[in-house]
Amino acid sequence: MSKAKIIGNDFKIKFDGQQHQVDANVLVSSLIHTTTIVQEVNKYLNSGKKIEIKVKALEKGSFLCHIELVETTIDSLKNLLTKDNIEVGAAIVTTVVGIIELKKFLKGKKAKEVQKQGDRTKIINKDGNVLIIENATFNIYEHSPVVKDALAQNFDALNNDPAITGFEITDKNENALVRVDKSEFVELSQKSEEVEEGERKIVEAATVNVVRVSFEESLKWDFYYRGIKISAKIADPSFYELIDKGEAFAKGDVLEVELQIHQKFDESVNTFVTKSYTVNKIVRHLSRNEQQKINFKPEE
């Protein structure tokens, strides 16, 4: 776990980069996925509180978002800033940080070994390294598909903005709690990997650009995925419901998706070779006309 003790109900998200510009949709996407994780953690921790997430400021000079977790009463919708609320907020932030640390530690793979030790869990990864975390943190990571999806989609979105070179969560005084470098984004966007009898299925978060649309379920769409042109069937029934309701899709649109990659092992070259792609789920559709940038100019 992080060395810094989390004592407040707020935290900051820092997007490192050499430029003072960030894709607005990447920023919004990251905040949406972070919000999803926070709300799911609150649900699993069974705090009994309705938590509202407030972006206090987009601070100049860096891609820095100050976020506050505030309890909201359902009846009066008044914000309550109490000692109890601060403690709940701190517990949520601590757990979110722990989940990201665990994702980093496992690098998108399954744990080699898991041992429960009282109220903590000892985890050994594929490389034989050891991490000890709270049981609640491990249980949420292991059993919440919502958290897994949001984590993966967050790091895929960040990976698709060349301006962003790192992602960091800090306390309100900007003491680092957890950091993920650009080189780790791809690993953290992976959701699962299954290998059986010379075949491998990888499921990961992905951002794809539409090249050619096909409104028949039996036909494939063409996309650009990490600079490579691919063809993939869309196996998401809710997506075709959107089409039937009249939602428009066009060349150049961006889709955040859950992408399944089917590979077979080729003994002649001693590696897995990709045979097909399937879009399991559409997470977010962004029209090319909605894409824009936000400037973060330093103080004069």
C-alpha atoms as a PDB file:
ATOM      1  CA  MET A   1       0.000   0.000   0.000  1.00  0.00           C
ATOM      2  CA  SER A   2       0.936   3.622  -0.343  1.00  0.00           C
ATOM      3  CA  LYS A   3       3.301   5.049   2.279  1.00  0.00           C
ATOM      4  CA  ALA A   4       1.411   8.340   2.582  1.00  0.00           C
ATOM      5  CA  LYS A   5      -1.453   8.183   5.081  1.00  0.00           C
ATOM      6  CA  ILE A   6      -4.718   9.350   3.569  1.00  0.00           C
ATOM      7  CA  ILE A   7      -6.640  11.482   6.042  1.00  0.00           C
ATOM      8  CA  GLY A   8      -8.919  13.663   3.921  1.00  0.00           C
ATOM      9  CA  ASN A   9     -12.021  13.225   1.805  1.00  0.00           C
ATOM     10  CA  ASP A  10     -10.369  14.675  -1.306  1.00  0.00           C
ATOM     11  CA  PHE A  11      -7.560  13.852  -3.704  1.00  0.00           C
ATOM     12  CA  LYS A  12      -5.986  15.095  -6.915  1.00  0.00           C
ATOM     13  CA  ILE A  13      -5.521  13.432 -10.277  1.00  0.00           C
ATOM     14  CA  LYS A  14      -2.422  14.511 -12.142  1.00  0.00           C
ATOM     15  CA  PHE A  15      -1.924  13.943 -15.859  1.00  0.00           C
ATOM     16  CA  ASP A  16       1.762  14.381 -16.667  1.00  0.00           C
ATOM     17  CA  GLY A  17       2.718  15.730 -20.075  1.00  0.00           C
ATOM     18  CA  GLN A  18       5.170  17.912 -21.929  1.00  0.00           C
ATOM     19  CA  GLN A  19       2.423  19.986 -23.548  1.00  0.00           C
ATOM     20  CA  HIS A  20      -0.161  22.257 -21.929  1.00  0.00           C
ATOM     21  CA  GLN A  21      -2.962  20.679 -23.908  1.00  0.00           C
ATOM     22  CA  VAL A  22      -5.064  17.576 -23.348  1.00  0.00           C
ATOM     23  CA  ASP A  23      -7.832  15.970 -25.370  1.00  0.00           C
ATOM     24  CA  ALA A  24     -11.054  17.089 -23.677  1.00  0.00           C
ATOM     25  CA  ASN A  25     -12.708  13.743 -24.320  1.00  0.00           C
ATOM     26  CA  VAL A  26      -9.811  11.855 -22.735  1.00  0.00           C
ATOM     27  CA  LEU A  27     -10.104  14.057 -19.658  1.00  0.00           C
ATOM     28  CA  VAL A  28     -13.879  13.567 -19.454  1.00  0.00           C
ATOM     29  CA  SER A  29     -13.506   9.819 -20.043  1.00  0.00           C
ATOM     30  CA  SER A  30     -10.912   9.477 -17.268  1.00  0.00           C
ATOM     31  CA  LEU A  31     -13.097  11.407 -14.825  1.00  0.00           C
ATOM     32  CA  ILE A  32     -16.134   9.278 -15.734  1.00  0.00           C
ATOM     33  CA  HIS A  33     -14.223   6.039 -15.135  1.00  0.00           C
ATOM     34  CA  THR A  34     -12.695   7.352 -11.904  1.00  0.00           C
ATOM     35  CA  THR A  35     -16.176   8.327 -10.703  1.00  0.00           C
ATOM     36  CA  THR A  36     -17.435   4.823 -11.524  1.00  0.00           C
ATOM     37  CA  ILE A  37     -14.629   3.253  -9.485  1.00  0.00           C
ATOM     38  CA  VAL A  38     -15.270   5.548  -6.508  1.00  0.00           C
ATOM     39  CA  GLN A  39     -19.002   4.808  -6.481  1.00  0.00           C
ATOM     40  CA  GLU A  40     -18.441   1.057  -6.799  1.00  0.00           C
ATOM     41  CA  VAL A  41     -15.872   1.097  -3.965  1.00  0.00           C
ATOM     42  CA  ASN A  42     -18.350   3.018  -1.797  1.00  0.00           C
ATOM     43  CA  LYS A  43     -20.978   0.357  -2.545  1.00  0.00           C
ATOM     44  CA  TYR A  44     -18.608  -2.511  -1.654  1.00  0.00           C
ATOM     45  CA  LEU A  45     -17.428  -0.809   1.538  1.00  0.00           C
ATOM     46  CA  ASN A  46     -21.091  -0.569   2.556  1.00  0.00           C
ATOM     47  CA  SER A  47     -20.606   2.886   4.045  1.00  0.00           C
ATOM     48  CA  GLY A  48     -24.332   3.632   3.991  1.00  0.00           C
ATOM     49  CA  LYS A  49     -23.503   7.051   2.552  1.00  0.00           C
ATOM     50  CA  LYS A  50     -24.538   8.580  -0.753  1.00  0.00           C
ATOM     51  CA  ILE A  51     -21.293  10.055  -2.071  1.00  0.00           C
ATOM     52  CA  GLU A  52     -21.190  12.952  -4.498  1.00  0.00           C
ATOM     53  CA  ILE A  53     -18.019  13.622  -6.477  1.00  0.00           C
ATOM     54  CA  LYS A  54     -17.089  17.248  -7.072  1.00  0.00           C
ATOM     55  CA  VAL A  55     -14.335  18.465  -9.392  1.00  0.00           C
ATOM     56  CA  LYS A  56     -13.175  21.492  -7.414  1.00  0.00           C
ATOM     57  CA  ALA A  57     -10.806  22.919 -10.016  1.00  0.00           C
ATOM     58  CA  LEU A  58      -8.864  22.301 -13.175  1.00  0.00           C
ATOM     59  CA  GLU A  59      -5.623  23.891 -12.048  1.00  0.00           C
ATOM     60  CA  LYS A  60      -3.399  25.855 -14.402  1.00  0.00           C
ATOM     61  CA  GLY A  61       0.124  24.839 -15.292  1.00  0.00           C
ATOM     62  CA  SER A  62      -0.564  21.102 -15.402  1.00  0.00           C
ATOM     63  CA  PHE A  63      -3.325  18.612 -16.048  1.00  0.00           C
ATOM     64  CA  LEU A  64      -4.386  18.595 -12.383  1.00  0.00           C
ATOM     65  CA  CYS A  65      -7.938  17.892 -11.189  1.00  0.00           C
ATOM     66  CA  HIS A  66      -8.855  18.421  -7.528  1.00  0.00           C
ATOM     67  CA  ILE A  67     -11.665  16.043  -6.545  1.00  0.00           C
ATOM     68  CA  GLU A  68     -13.712  16.061  -3.343  1.00  0.00           C
ATOM     69  CA  LEU A  69     -15.964  13.271  -2.043  1.00  0.00           C
ATOM     70  CA  VAL A  70     -18.944  14.720  -0.183  1.00  0.00           C
ATOM     71  CA  GLU A  71     -21.869  12.945   1.465  1.00  0.00           C
ATOM     72  CA  THR A  72     -25.263  14.012   0.130  1.00  0.00           C
ATOM     73  CA  THR A  73     -28.535  13.406   1.966  1.00  0.00           C
ATOM     74  CA  ILE A  74     -31.234  12.081  -0.342  1.00  0.00           C
ATOM     75  CA  ASP A  75     -34.062  14.126   1.210  1.00  0.00           C
ATOM     76  CA  SER A  76     -32.630  17.624   1.324  1.00  0.00           C
ATOM     77  CA  LEU A  77     -29.768  17.182  -1.165  1.00  0.00           C
ATOM     78  CA  LYS A  78     -27.565  19.240   1.140  1.00  0.00           C
ATOM     79  CA  ASN A  79     -23.854  18.518   1.306  1.00  0.00           C
ATOM     80  CA  LEU A  80     -22.669  17.357   4.709  1.00  0.00           C
ATOM     81  CA  LEU A  81     -19.019  17.880   5.548  1.00  0.00           C
ATOM     82  CA  THR A  82     -18.609  15.979   8.799  1.00  0.00           C
ATOM     83  CA  LYS A  83     -15.864  14.009  10.528  1.00  0.00           C
ATOM     84  CA  ASP A  84     -17.668  10.808   9.604  1.00  0.00           C
ATOM     85  CA  ASN A  85     -17.876  11.876   5.965  1.00  0.00           C
ATOM     86  CA  ILE A  86     -14.168  12.713   5.899  1.00  0.00           C
ATOM     87  CA  GLU A  87     -13.331   9.274   7.300  1.00  0.00           C
ATOM     88  CA  VAL A  88     -15.547   7.559   4.711  1.00  0.00           C
ATOM     89  CA  GLY A  89     -13.935   9.642   1.961  1.00  0.00           C
ATOM     90  CA  ALA A  90     -10.453   8.730   3.172  1.00  0.00           C
ATOM     91  CA  ALA A  91     -11.372   5.026   3.226  1.00  0.00           C
ATOM     92  CA  ILE A  92     -12.665   5.242  -0.339  1.00  0.00           C
ATOM     93  CA  VAL A  93      -9.560   7.056  -1.596  1.00  0.00           C
ATOM     94  CA  THR A  94      -7.308   4.549   0.200  1.00  0.00           C
ATOM     95  CA  THR A  95      -9.137   1.657  -1.470  1.00  0.00           C
ATOM     96  CA  VAL A  96      -9.073   3.255  -4.934  1.00  0.00           C
ATOM     97  CA  VAL A  97      -5.320   3.806  -4.597  1.00  0.00           C
ATOM     98  CA  GLY A  98      -4.875   0.191  -3.442  1.00  0.00           C
ATOM     99  CA  ILE A  99      -6.840  -1.146  -6.416  1.00  0.00           C
ATOM    100  CA  ILE A 100      -4.644   0.771  -8.872  1.00  0.00           C
ATOM    101  CA  GLU A 101      -1.508  -0.463  -7.069  1.00  0.00           C
ATOM    102  CA  LEU A 102      -2.806  -4.035  -7.354  1.00  0.00           C
ATOM    103  CA  LYS A 103      -3.560  -3.587 -11.069  1.00  0.00           C
ATOM    104  CA  LYS A 104      -0.008  -2.285 -11.566  1.00  0.00           C
ATOM    105  CA  PHE A 105       1.435  -5.171  -9.578  1.00  0.00           C
ATOM    106  CA  LEU A 106      -0.400  -7.868 -11.535  1.00  0.00           C
ATOM    107  CA  LYS A 107       0.149  -6.159 -14.921  1.00  0.00           C
ATOM    108  CA  GLY A 108      -3.222  -7.352 -16.160  1.00  0.00           C
ATOM    109  CA  LYS A 109      -2.465 -11.022 -15.372  1.00  0.00           C
ATOM    110  CA  LYS A 110      -3.935 -13.370 -12.796  1.00  0.00           C
ATOM    111  CA  ALA A 111      -2.163 -13.752  -9.469  1.00  0.00           C
ATOM    112  CA  LYS A 112       0.121 -16.775  -9.183  1.00  0.00           C
ATOM    113  CA  GLU A 113      -0.894 -17.284  -5.555  1.00  0.00           C
ATOM    114  CA  VAL A 114      -3.288 -15.654  -3.095  1.00  0.00           C
ATOM    115  CA  GLN A 115      -3.108 -16.157   0.678  1.00  0.00           C
ATOM    116  CA  LYS A 116      -5.542 -14.668   3.214  1.00  0.00           C
ATOM    117  CA  GLN A 117      -3.749 -13.477   6.365  1.00  0.00           C
ATOM    118  CA  GLY A 118      -6.350 -12.200   8.820  1.00  0.00           C
ATOM    119  CA  ASP A 119      -7.700  -8.881   7.533  1.00  0.00           C
ATOM    120  CA  ARG A 120      -5.038  -8.680   4.824  1.00  0.00           C
ATOM    121  CA  THR A 121      -4.258 -10.624   1.653  1.00  0.00           C
ATOM    122  CA  LYS A 122      -0.817 -11.710   0.435  1.00  0.00           C
ATOM    123  CA  ILE A 123      -0.556 -11.780  -3.366  1.00  0.00           C
ATOM    124  CA  ILE A 124       2.254 -13.287  -5.420  1.00  0.00           C
ATOM    125  CA  ASN A 125       2.405 -12.281  -9.087  1.00  0.00           C
ATOM    126  CA  LYS A 126       3.779 -14.183 -12.099  1.00  0.00           C
ATOM    127  CA  ASP A 127       7.275 -12.818 -11.435  1.00  0.00           C
ATOM    128  CA  GLY A 128       7.265 -14.085  -7.836  1.00  0.00           C
ATOM    129  CA  ASN A 129       6.961 -10.608  -6.307  1.00  0.00           C
ATOM    130  CA  VAL A 130       4.812 -10.133  -3.186  1.00  0.00           C
ATOM    131  CA  LEU A 131       2.188  -7.495  -2.361  1.00  0.00           C
ATOM    132  CA  ILE A 132       0.143  -7.394   0.871  1.00  0.00           C
ATOM    133  CA  ILE A 133      -3.109  -5.416   0.770  1.00  0.00           C
ATOM    134  CA  GLU A 134      -6.370  -5.064   2.686  1.00  0.00           C
ATOM    135  CA  ASN A 135      -8.925  -7.831   2.112  1.00  0.00           C
ATOM    136  CA  ALA A 136     -11.536  -5.303   0.991  1.00  0.00           C
ATOM    137  CA  THR A 137      -9.233  -3.958  -1.708  1.00  0.00           C
ATOM    138  CA  PHE A 138      -8.526  -7.428  -3.091  1.00  0.00           C
ATOM    139  CA  ASN A 139     -12.174  -8.489  -2.924  1.00  0.00           C
ATOM    140  CA  ILE A 140     -13.348  -5.444  -4.864  1.00  0.00           C
ATOM    141  CA  TYR A 141     -10.642  -5.890  -7.502  1.00  0.00           C
ATOM    142  CA  GLU A 142     -11.330  -9.602  -7.837  1.00  0.00           C
ATOM    143  CA  HIS A 143     -15.136  -9.608  -7.770  1.00  0.00           C
ATOM    144  CA  SER A 144     -16.271  -6.311  -9.283  1.00  0.00           C
ATOM    145  CA  PRO A 145     -16.466  -6.383 -13.091  1.00  0.00           C
ATOM    146  CA  VAL A 146     -17.547  -2.736 -12.974  1.00  0.00           C
ATOM    147  CA  VAL A 147     -14.265  -1.723 -11.322  1.00  0.00           C
ATOM    148  CA  LYS A 148     -12.208  -3.906 -13.674  1.00  0.00           C
ATOM    149  CA  ASP A 149     -13.913  -2.402 -16.708  1.00  0.00           C
ATOM    150  CA  ALA A 150     -13.556   1.186 -15.502  1.00  0.00           C
ATOM    151  CA  LEU A 151      -9.877   0.713 -14.629  1.00  0.00           C
ATOM    152  CA  ALA A 152      -9.072  -0.775 -18.014  1.00  0.00           C
ATOM    153  CA  GLN A 153     -11.048   1.849 -19.954  1.00  0.00           C
ATOM    154  CA  ASN A 154      -9.388   4.648 -17.986  1.00  0.00           C
ATOM    155  CA  PHE A 155      -5.863   3.571 -18.896  1.00  0.00           C
ATOM    156  CA  ASP A 156      -6.771   2.846 -22.501  1.00  0.00           C
ATOM    157  CA  ALA A 157      -8.200   6.366 -22.829  1.00  0.00           C
ATOM    158  CA  LEU A 158      -5.039   7.861 -21.340  1.00  0.00           C
ATOM    159  CA  ASN A 159      -2.853   5.750 -23.618  1.00  0.00           C
ATOM    160  CA  ASN A 160      -4.589   7.222 -26.650  1.00  0.00           C
ATOM    161  CA  ASP A 161      -3.549  10.796 -25.855  1.00  0.00           C
ATOM    162  CA  PRO A 162       0.131  11.328 -26.802  1.00  0.00           C
ATOM    163  CA  ALA A 163       0.211  14.446 -24.614  1.00  0.00           C
ATOM    164  CA  ILE A 164      -0.178  12.351 -21.437  1.00  0.00           C
ATOM    165  CA  THR A 165       2.995  10.652 -20.187  1.00  0.00           C
ATOM    166  CA  GLY A 166       1.856   9.592 -16.717  1.00  0.00           C
ATOM    167  CA  PHE A 167      -1.135   9.310 -14.375  1.00  0.00           C
ATOM    168  CA  GLU A 168      -0.878  10.023 -10.672  1.00  0.00           C
ATOM    169  CA  ILE A 169      -3.206  10.241  -7.693  1.00  0.00           C
ATOM    170  CA  THR A 170      -2.012  12.539  -4.917  1.00  0.00           C
ATOM    171  CA  ASP A 171      -3.404  13.844  -1.660  1.00  0.00           C
ATOM    172  CA  LYS A 172      -4.589  17.462  -1.502  1.00  0.00           C
ATOM    173  CA  ASN A 173      -1.018  18.579  -0.740  1.00  0.00           C
ATOM    174  CA  GLU A 174       0.172  16.781  -3.904  1.00  0.00           C
ATOM    175  CA  ASN A 175       2.042  14.014  -2.091  1.00  0.00           C
ATOM    176  CA  ALA A 176       2.035  11.052  -4.477  1.00  0.00           C
ATOM    177  CA  LEU A 177      -0.188   8.113  -3.485  1.00  0.00           C
ATOM    178  CA  VAL A 178       0.137   6.019  -6.650  1.00  0.00           C
ATOM    179  CA  ARG A 179       1.678   6.649 -10.084  1.00  0.00           C
ATOM    180  CA  VAL A 180       1.355   4.893 -13.437  1.00  0.00           C
ATOM    181  CA  ASP A 181       3.784   5.700 -16.249  1.00  0.00           C
ATOM    182  CA  LYS A 182       2.888   5.781 -19.951  1.00  0.00           C
ATOM    183  CA  SER A 183       4.825   2.543 -20.510  1.00  0.00           C
ATOM    184  CA  GLU A 184       2.379   0.754 -18.156  1.00  0.00           C
ATOM    185  CA  PHE A 185      -0.870   2.000 -19.731  1.00  0.00           C
ATOM    186  CA  VAL A 186      -1.217  -0.862 -22.229  1.00  0.00           C
ATOM    187  CA  GLU A 187      -0.778  -3.561 -19.570  1.00  0.00           C
ATOM    188  CA  LEU A 188      -3.316  -1.858 -17.310  1.00  0.00           C
ATOM    189  CA  SER A 189      -5.882  -1.669 -20.104  1.00  0.00           C
ATOM    190  CA  GLN A 190      -6.004  -5.479 -20.279  1.00  0.00           C
ATOM    191  CA  LYS A 191      -8.979  -7.139 -18.588  1.00  0.00           C
ATOM    192  CA  SER A 192      -8.247 -10.855 -18.916  1.00  0.00           C
ATOM    193  CA  GLU A 193      -6.194 -13.457 -20.734  1.00  0.00           C
ATOM    194  CA  GLU A 194      -7.039 -17.131 -21.273  1.00  0.00           C
ATOM    195  CA  VAL A 195      -4.619 -19.646 -22.779  1.00  0.00           C
ATOM    196  CA  GLU A 196      -5.749 -23.155 -23.667  1.00  0.00           C
ATOM    197  CA  GLU A 197      -4.403 -25.756 -26.120  1.00  0.00           C
ATOM    198  CA  GLY A 198      -2.422 -23.369 -28.265  1.00  0.00           C
ATOM    199  CA  GLU A 199      -5.090 -20.669 -28.346  1.00  0.00           C
ATOM    200  CA  ARG A 200      -5.203 -17.389 -26.473  1.00  0.00           C
ATOM    201  CA  LYS A 201      -8.103 -15.005 -25.884  1.00  0.00           C
ATOM    202  CA  ILE A 202      -7.214 -11.541 -24.665  1.00  0.00           C
ATOM    203  CA  VAL A 203      -9.936  -9.154 -23.510  1.00  0.00           C
ATOM    204  CA  GLU A 204      -8.910  -5.534 -23.138  1.00  0.00           C
ATOM    205  CA  ALA A 205     -10.232  -2.018 -23.143  1.00  0.00           C
ATOM    206  CA  ALA A 206      -9.648  -0.353 -26.471  1.00  0.00           C
ATOM    207  CA  THR A 207     -10.345   2.876 -28.295  1.00  0.00           C
ATOM    208  CA  VAL A 208     -11.050   2.412 -32.005  1.00  0.00           C
ATOM    209  CA  ASN A 209     -11.687   4.819 -34.870  1.00  0.00           C
ATOM    210  CA  VAL A 210     -14.484   3.890 -37.274  1.00  0.00           C
ATOM    211  CA  VAL A 211     -13.401   3.372 -40.896  1.00  0.00           C
ATOM    212  CA  ARG A 212     -16.407   1.515 -42.312  1.00  0.00           C
ATOM    213  CA  VAL A 213     -19.785   0.812 -40.729  1.00  0.00           C
ATOM    214  CA  SER A 214     -21.893  -2.340 -41.245  1.00  0.00           C
ATOM    215  CA  PHE A 215     -25.396  -2.281 -39.842  1.00  0.00           C
ATOM    216  CA  GLU A 216     -26.030  -5.994 -40.384  1.00  0.00           C
ATOM    217  CA  GLU A 217     -25.053  -8.046 -37.317  1.00  0.00           C
ATOM    218  CA  SER A 218     -23.443 -10.729 -39.497  1.00  0.00           C
ATOM    219  CA  LEU A 219     -21.033  -8.265 -41.131  1.00  0.00           C
ATOM    220  CA  LYS A 220     -17.813  -6.777 -39.768  1.00  0.00           C
ATOM    221  CA  TRP A 221     -16.932  -3.156 -39.129  1.00  0.00           C
ATOM    222  CA  ASP A 222     -13.524  -1.742 -40.083  1.00  0.00           C
ATOM    223  CA  PHE A 223     -11.589   0.198 -37.439  1.00  0.00           C
ATOM    224  CA  TYR A 224      -8.190   1.651 -36.728  1.00  0.00           C
ATOM    225  CA  TYR A 225      -6.881   0.155 -33.484  1.00  0.00           C
ATOM    226  CA  ARG A 226      -3.529   1.446 -32.210  1.00  0.00           C
ATOM    227  CA  GLY A 227      -2.656   2.517 -35.734  1.00  0.00           C
ATOM    228  CA  ILE A 228      -3.546  -0.845 -37.318  1.00  0.00           C
ATOM    229  CA  LYS A 229      -6.561  -1.376 -39.559  1.00  0.00           C
ATOM    230  CA  ILE A 230      -8.692  -4.279 -38.311  1.00  0.00           C
ATOM    231  CA  SER A 231     -12.069  -5.838 -39.043  1.00  0.00           C
ATOM    232  CA  ALA A 232     -14.319  -6.949 -36.193  1.00  0.00           C
ATOM    233  CA  LYS A 233     -17.851  -8.108 -35.583  1.00  0.00           C
ATOM    234  CA  ILE A 234     -19.791  -6.228 -32.907  1.00  0.00           C
ATOM    235  CA  ALA A 235     -21.373  -8.750 -30.516  1.00  0.00           C
ATOM    236  CA  ASP A 236     -23.167  -6.231 -28.297  1.00  0.00           C
ATOM    237  CA  PRO A 237     -26.990  -6.504 -28.572  1.00  0.00           C
ATOM    238  CA  SER A 238     -27.525  -3.137 -26.879  1.00  0.00           C
ATOM    239  CA  PHE A 239     -25.421  -1.517 -29.600  1.00  0.00           C
ATOM    240  CA  TYR A 240     -27.795  -2.669 -32.334  1.00  0.00           C
ATOM    241  CA  GLU A 241     -30.697  -1.404 -30.263  1.00  0.00           C
ATOM    242  CA  LEU A 242     -29.094   2.063 -30.446  1.00  0.00           C
ATOM    243  CA  ILE A 243     -28.844   1.739 -34.220  1.00  0.00           C
ATOM    244  CA  ASP A 244     -32.509   0.724 -34.466  1.00  0.00           C
ATOM    245  CA  LYS A 245     -33.408   3.822 -32.436  1.00  0.00           C
ATOM    246  CA  GLY A 246     -31.618   6.019 -34.959  1.00  0.00           C
ATOM    247  CA  GLU A 247     -28.228   6.787 -33.390  1.00  0.00           C
ATOM    248  CA  ALA A 248     -25.859   7.821 -36.197  1.00  0.00           C
ATOM    249  CA  PHE A 249     -22.383   6.384 -36.710  1.00  0.00           C
ATOM    250  CA  ALA A 250     -19.910   7.651 -39.271  1.00  0.00           C
ATOM    251  CA  LYS A 251     -16.346   7.350 -40.502  1.00  0.00           C
ATOM    252  CA  GLY A 252     -13.990   9.047 -38.043  1.00  0.00           C
ATOM    253  CA  ASP A 253     -16.173   8.447 -34.972  1.00  0.00           C
ATOM    254  CA  VAL A 254     -14.426   7.078 -31.866  1.00  0.00           C
ATOM    255  CA  LEU A 255     -15.694   4.108 -29.880  1.00  0.00           C
ATOM    256  CA  GLU A 256     -14.521   3.020 -26.440  1.00  0.00           C
ATOM    257  CA  VAL A 257     -14.993  -0.743 -26.469  1.00  0.00           C
ATOM    258  CA  GLU A 258     -14.238  -4.067 -24.851  1.00  0.00           C
ATOM    259  CA  LEU A 259     -12.192  -5.839 -27.512  1.00  0.00           C
ATOM    260  CA  GLN A 260     -11.591  -9.599 -27.613  1.00  0.00           C
ATOM    261  CA  ILE A 261      -8.514 -10.741 -29.542  1.00  0.00           C
ATOM    262  CA  HIS A 262      -8.356 -14.376 -30.647  1.00  0.00           C
ATOM    263  CA  GLN A 263      -4.851 -15.731 -31.250  1.00  0.00           C
ATOM    264  CA  LYS A 264      -3.345 -19.102 -32.183  1.00  0.00           C
ATOM    265  CA  PHE A 265       0.174 -20.285 -31.461  1.00  0.00           C
ATOM    266  CA  ASP A 266       2.332 -20.634 -34.596  1.00  0.00           C
ATOM    267  CA  GLU A 267       5.176 -23.071 -33.923  1.00  0.00           C
ATOM    268  CA  SER A 268       7.067 -21.979 -37.039  1.00  0.00           C
ATOM    269  CA  VAL A 269       7.663 -18.515 -35.594  1.00  0.00           C
ATOM    270  CA  ASN A 270       7.253 -19.490 -31.895  1.00  0.00           C
ATOM    271  CA  THR A 271       4.640 -16.881 -31.071  1.00  0.00           C
ATOM    272  CA  PHE A 272       0.871 -16.282 -30.860  1.00  0.00           C
ATOM    273  CA  VAL A 273      -0.597 -14.837 -34.057  1.00  0.00           C
ATOM    274  CA  THR A 274      -3.841 -12.824 -34.111  1.00  0.00           C
ATOM    275  CA  LYS A 275      -6.620 -14.491 -36.104  1.00  0.00           C
ATOM    276  CA  SER A 276      -9.697 -12.389 -35.346  1.00  0.00           C
ATOM    277  CA  TYR A 277     -11.190  -9.515 -33.346  1.00  0.00           C
ATOM    278  CA  THR A 278     -14.606  -9.190 -31.703  1.00  0.00           C
ATOM    279  CA  VAL A 279     -16.101  -6.116 -30.052  1.00  0.00           C
ATOM    280  CA  ASN A 280     -17.868  -7.567 -27.004  1.00  0.00           C
ATOM    281  CA  LYS A 281     -19.277  -4.283 -25.720  1.00  0.00           C
ATOM    282  CA  ILE A 282     -19.543  -0.630 -26.702  1.00  0.00           C
ATOM    283  CA  VAL A 283     -18.764   1.542 -23.684  1.00  0.00           C
ATOM    284  CA  ARG A 284     -18.908   5.009 -25.235  1.00  0.00           C
ATOM    285  CA  HIS A 285     -19.572   6.532 -28.663  1.00  0.00           C
ATOM    286  CA  LEU A 286     -17.972   9.843 -29.562  1.00  0.00           C
ATOM    287  CA  SER A 287     -18.853  11.626 -32.797  1.00  0.00           C
ATOM    288  CA  ARG A 288     -15.880  13.092 -34.659  1.00  0.00           C
ATOM    289  CA  ASN A 289     -17.538  16.530 -34.353  1.00  0.00           C
ATOM    290  CA  GLU A 290     -17.398  16.317 -30.530  1.00  0.00           C
ATOM    291  CA  GLN A 291     -13.629  15.850 -30.335  1.00  0.00           C
ATOM    292  CA  GLN A 292     -11.765  18.834 -28.913  1.00  0.00           C
ATOM    293  CA  LYS A 293      -8.841  19.947 -26.787  1.00  0.00           C
ATOM    294  CA  ILE A 294      -8.564  21.710 -23.438  1.00  0.00           C
ATOM    295  CA  ASN A 295      -5.653  24.090 -22.928  1.00  0.00           C
ATOM    296  CA  PHE A 296      -3.870  24.163 -19.560  1.00  0.00           C
ATOM    297  CA  LYS A 297      -1.759  27.308 -19.785  1.00  0.00           C
ATOM    298  CA  PRO A 298       0.815  28.043 -17.071  1.00  0.00           C
ATOM    299  CA  GLU A 299       0.566  31.166 -14.960  1.00  0.00           C
ATOM    300  CA  GLU A 300       2.152  34.249 -16.575  1.00  0.00           C
END
